């Protein structure tokens, strides 16, 4: 089974709905090849998909094709093998929430979100020791593929171009990531090449000939028994010939 989870980790995301639908009919020992490109979303939906992959008897391979952040990184932890393109990233952080109310309600919300963070931490400890992982979560850490491999959060780095990430919930962060990868893969124009693809030596030769042509055009030419011929030519014509 090959599938891709992209966009926000929310129940109405069509890629997640399709994943759950396919999991209903998949053979219990069938291999799964799952690609992930997401800025995250619902922590417990991420944990659910992580555990679904972990409980599957077939070989599960997850490939990070752009960004695997927050709940999306939790999903990856359910795989037997995690691969990432060389120019992708993985981000981990503690659980977050939005709350309004009196002091008592705010204190309870803080206690509750700490418990959710503990559940999130457990998702990574099959790969990274708890103390190291807790620090990464506390610091809201962005990891390159090389760094993720060093910590053991992925198993393999593969080389390819990254994909842009889609997100409504984390629109600004997604835009920043997309701008970063776009500049990283944009071809760098060589100083030895002009916009039209002419190399530097050819360009120098053309300008040298152009200078000589201008010099010849404006230098009076003397012929035997004849008066000097005055030649005047519009510079724009010379440019057009060039």
Protein backbone atom coordinates (compact mmCIF):
# COMPACT_ATOMS: atom_id res chain seq x y z
CA UNK A 1 0.00 0.00 0.00
CA UNK A 2 1.37 3.40 -1.03
CA UNK A 3 -0.14 6.57 0.38
CA UNK A 4 0.71 10.19 1.16
CA UNK A 5 -0.35 12.23 4.19
CA UNK A 6 -0.04 15.95 3.54
CA UNK A 7 -1.50 19.15 4.93
CA UNK A 8 -2.77 19.66 8.46
CA UNK A 9 -3.27 16.67 10.75
CA UNK A 10 -7.01 17.07 11.20
CA UNK A 11 -9.88 14.61 10.76
CA UNK A 12 -11.35 16.34 7.69
CA UNK A 13 -8.05 16.26 5.79
CA UNK A 14 -8.81 14.12 2.72
CA UNK A 15 -5.37 12.45 2.77
CA UNK A 16 -5.99 11.25 6.34
CA UNK A 17 -9.53 10.14 5.52
CA UNK A 18 -8.16 8.14 2.57
CA UNK A 19 -5.48 6.61 4.79
CA UNK A 20 -8.04 5.39 7.34
CA UNK A 21 -10.24 4.05 4.54
CA UNK A 22 -7.39 2.06 3.00
CA UNK A 23 -6.36 0.67 6.38
CA UNK A 24 -9.79 -0.99 6.66
CA UNK A 25 -9.13 -3.27 3.71
CA UNK A 26 -5.37 -3.76 3.83
CA UNK A 27 -3.96 -7.21 4.54
CA UNK A 28 -2.50 -7.51 8.03
CA UNK A 29 0.96 -8.39 6.68
CA UNK A 30 0.95 -6.06 3.68
CA UNK A 31 3.83 -3.59 3.42
CA UNK A 32 3.03 0.12 3.75
CA UNK A 33 4.96 2.89 2.01
CA UNK A 34 3.79 6.19 3.47
CA UNK A 35 5.00 9.69 2.54
CA UNK A 36 4.54 12.57 4.98
CA UNK A 37 4.64 16.33 4.37
CA UNK A 38 2.87 18.30 7.10
CA UNK A 39 3.28 21.03 9.69
CA UNK A 40 1.21 19.02 12.18
CA UNK A 41 -2.10 19.57 13.92
CA UNK A 42 -4.08 17.39 16.33
CA UNK A 43 -1.67 15.63 18.73
CA UNK A 44 -3.98 12.70 19.46
CA UNK A 45 -4.79 12.14 15.79
CA UNK A 46 -1.04 11.98 15.20
CA UNK A 47 -0.67 9.50 18.07
CA UNK A 48 -3.56 7.41 16.69
CA UNK A 49 -1.97 7.11 13.23
CA UNK A 50 1.43 6.43 14.83
CA UNK A 51 -0.01 3.52 16.83
CA UNK A 52 -1.96 2.24 13.82
CA UNK A 53 1.28 1.99 11.89
CA UNK A 54 3.13 0.52 14.86
CA UNK A 55 0.54 -2.24 15.34
CA UNK A 56 0.54 -3.22 11.67
CA UNK A 57 2.29 -6.55 11.04
CA UNK A 58 3.68 -5.68 7.62
CA UNK A 59 6.79 -3.58 7.03
CA UNK A 60 6.01 0.13 7.40
CA UNK A 61 8.27 2.67 5.71
CA UNK A 62 7.72 6.41 6.11
CA UNK A 63 9.42 8.95 3.86
CA UNK A 64 9.58 12.64 4.79
CA UNK A 65 9.22 14.59 1.55
CA UNK A 66 9.12 18.17 2.86
CA UNK A 67 8.43 18.86 6.53
CA UNK A 68 7.37 16.51 9.32
CA UNK A 69 6.51 18.82 12.21
CA UNK A 70 4.66 18.40 15.48
CA UNK A 71 1.93 15.76 15.13
CA UNK A 72 3.32 14.78 11.72
CA UNK A 73 6.63 13.86 13.34
CA UNK A 74 4.68 11.71 15.82
CA UNK A 75 3.10 9.85 12.89
CA UNK A 76 6.56 9.03 11.55
CA UNK A 77 7.52 7.32 14.81
CA UNK A 78 5.07 4.48 14.04
CA UNK A 79 7.20 3.27 11.13
CA UNK A 80 9.70 0.43 11.11
CA UNK A 81 11.93 2.52 8.86
CA UNK A 82 11.97 6.31 8.50
CA UNK A 83 13.61 7.92 5.50
CA UNK A 84 14.05 11.62 4.75
CA UNK A 85 15.17 13.51 1.69
CA UNK A 86 18.45 15.32 2.31
CA UNK A 87 16.86 18.77 2.17
CA UNK A 88 13.82 18.14 4.40
CA UNK A 89 13.24 18.88 8.08
CA UNK A 90 11.64 17.40 11.18
CA UNK A 91 10.31 19.55 14.05
CA UNK A 92 9.35 18.44 17.56
CA UNK A 93 7.79 20.39 20.42
CA UNK A 94 5.62 20.01 23.49
CA UNK A 95 1.84 20.05 23.25
CA UNK A 96 0.13 23.42 22.92
CA UNK A 97 -3.42 24.63 23.44
CA UNK A 98 -5.60 27.73 23.47
CA UNK A 99 -7.68 28.45 26.56
CA UNK A 100 -9.63 31.28 28.18
CA UNK A 101 -11.12 31.46 31.62
CA UNK A 102 -10.48 32.17 35.28
CA UNK A 103 -7.29 31.34 37.19
CA UNK A 104 -8.52 27.92 38.22
CA UNK A 105 -9.34 26.96 34.65
CA UNK A 106 -5.99 28.24 33.39
CA UNK A 107 -4.08 26.24 36.00
CA UNK A 108 -6.01 23.10 35.07
CA UNK A 109 -5.32 23.70 31.38
CA UNK A 110 -1.59 23.96 32.13
CA UNK A 111 -1.67 20.66 34.03
CA UNK A 112 -3.63 18.99 31.21
CA UNK A 113 -1.29 20.15 28.46
CA UNK A 114 1.71 18.89 30.45
CA UNK A 115 0.09 15.44 30.52
CA UNK A 116 -0.44 15.60 26.75
CA UNK A 117 3.25 16.50 26.39
CA UNK A 118 4.13 13.37 28.35
CA UNK A 119 2.06 11.31 25.93
CA UNK A 120 3.81 12.97 23.01
CA UNK A 121 7.21 12.26 24.59
CA UNK A 122 6.37 8.53 24.80
CA UNK A 123 5.93 8.49 21.02
CA UNK A 124 9.65 9.15 20.48
CA UNK A 125 11.30 7.13 23.25
CA UNK A 126 11.45 3.94 21.18
CA UNK A 127 14.15 5.78 19.21
CA UNK A 128 15.64 8.44 21.51
CA UNK A 129 16.26 8.33 25.26
CA UNK A 130 13.70 10.27 27.32
CA UNK A 131 16.07 12.93 28.71
CA UNK A 132 17.46 13.87 25.30
CA UNK A 133 14.01 13.86 23.73
CA UNK A 134 12.51 15.99 26.49
CA UNK A 135 15.11 18.69 25.89
CA UNK A 136 14.38 18.65 22.15
CA UNK A 137 10.67 19.01 22.87
CA UNK A 138 11.19 21.77 25.44
CA UNK A 139 13.30 23.75 22.95
CA UNK A 140 10.83 23.32 20.05
CA UNK A 141 13.62 21.95 17.88
CA UNK A 142 13.87 22.11 14.10
CA UNK A 143 16.12 19.33 12.83
CA UNK A 144 17.74 18.94 9.43
CA UNK A 145 17.82 15.45 7.96
CA UNK A 146 21.43 15.10 9.10
CA UNK A 147 20.56 16.12 12.66
CA UNK A 148 17.53 13.84 12.78
CA UNK A 149 19.72 10.97 11.65
CA UNK A 150 22.29 11.79 14.33
CA UNK A 151 19.64 11.62 17.06
CA UNK A 152 18.18 8.41 15.64
CA UNK A 153 14.84 9.94 14.72
CA UNK A 154 15.28 8.74 11.13
CA UNK A 155 17.15 5.79 9.66
CA UNK A 156 18.22 6.95 6.23
CA UNK A 157 18.81 10.09 4.18
CA UNK A 158 17.91 10.06 0.50
CA UNK A 159 18.68 12.74 -2.07
CA UNK A 160 15.89 14.61 -3.87
CA UNK A 161 14.18 17.97 -4.09
CA UNK A 162 11.87 18.89 -1.20
CA UNK A 163 8.14 19.41 -1.53
CA UNK A 164 6.29 22.50 -0.44
CA UNK A 165 4.11 22.01 2.62
CA UNK A 166 0.41 22.84 2.74
CA UNK A 167 -1.20 24.24 5.88
CA UNK A 168 -4.13 26.40 6.92
CA UNK A 169 -3.44 26.15 10.65
CA UNK A 170 0.29 26.96 10.36
CA UNK A 171 0.10 29.12 7.25
CA UNK A 172 2.92 31.51 8.19
CA UNK A 173 5.32 28.73 9.20
CA UNK A 174 4.50 26.76 6.06
CA UNK A 175 5.16 29.83 3.92
CA UNK A 176 8.50 30.41 5.64
CA UNK A 177 9.53 26.80 5.09
CA UNK A 178 8.48 26.90 1.43
CA UNK A 179 10.47 30.09 0.87
CA UNK A 180 13.49 28.47 2.47
CA UNK A 181 13.40 25.35 0.31
CA UNK A 182 12.69 27.39 -2.82
CA UNK A 183 15.84 29.45 -2.29
CA UNK A 184 17.82 26.33 -1.45
CA UNK A 185 17.03 24.58 -4.74
CA UNK A 186 16.92 27.65 -7.01
CA UNK A 187 19.68 27.46 -9.63
CA UNK A 188 22.49 29.90 -8.92
CA UNK A 189 23.40 32.01 -11.92
CA UNK A 190 27.09 31.85 -12.71
CA UNK A 191 28.92 35.13 -13.04
CA UNK A 192 30.53 33.75 -16.20
CA UNK A 193 27.20 33.45 -17.99
CA UNK A 194 24.86 36.11 -19.24
CA UNK A 195 21.07 35.83 -19.08
CA UNK A 196 20.99 34.65 -22.69
CA UNK A 197 23.45 31.82 -21.97
CA UNK A 198 26.51 33.44 -23.62
CA UNK A 199 29.73 32.59 -21.82
CA UNK A 200 32.02 35.31 -20.52
CA UNK A 201 34.81 34.87 -23.08
CA UNK A 202 32.40 35.13 -26.00
CA UNK A 203 30.84 38.21 -24.46
CA UNK A 204 34.26 39.89 -24.07
CA UNK A 205 35.12 39.08 -27.66
CA UNK A 206 31.84 40.57 -28.88
CA UNK A 207 32.46 43.83 -27.02
CA UNK A 208 36.03 44.00 -28.32
CA UNK A 209 34.76 43.66 -31.89
CA UNK A 210 32.07 46.22 -31.14
CA UNK A 211 34.67 48.74 -29.91
CA UNK A 212 36.78 48.18 -33.01
CA UNK A 213 33.73 48.63 -35.22
CA UNK A 214 32.87 51.95 -33.55
CA UNK A 215 36.48 53.10 -33.86
CA UNK A 216 36.59 52.21 -37.57
CA UNK A 217 33.26 53.87 -38.29
CA UNK A 218 34.30 57.19 -36.76
CA UNK A 219 37.86 57.25 -38.07
CA UNK A 220 38.16 59.22 -41.38
CA UNK A 221 39.45 57.05 -44.19
CA UNK A 222 41.86 58.58 -46.77
CA UNK A 223 41.97 57.30 -50.31
CA UNK A 224 44.29 58.40 -53.15
CA UNK A 225 43.13 61.51 -55.06
CA UNK A 226 39.94 61.69 -53.02
CA UNK A 227 38.76 63.87 -50.20
CA UNK A 228 38.27 62.18 -46.83
CA UNK A 229 34.89 60.54 -46.55
CA UNK A 230 32.99 61.61 -43.46
CA UNK A 231 30.99 58.70 -42.06
CA UNK A 232 28.39 59.09 -39.43
CA UNK A 233 26.25 56.26 -38.19
CA UNK A 234 23.69 56.12 -35.49
CA UNK A 235 24.94 54.15 -32.49
CA UNK A 236 21.59 52.45 -32.14
CA UNK A 237 22.13 50.84 -35.54
CA UNK A 238 25.39 49.35 -34.32
CA UNK A 239 23.67 47.94 -31.28
CA UNK A 240 21.01 46.38 -33.46
CA UNK A 241 23.67 44.71 -35.59
CA UNK A 242 25.32 43.37 -32.43
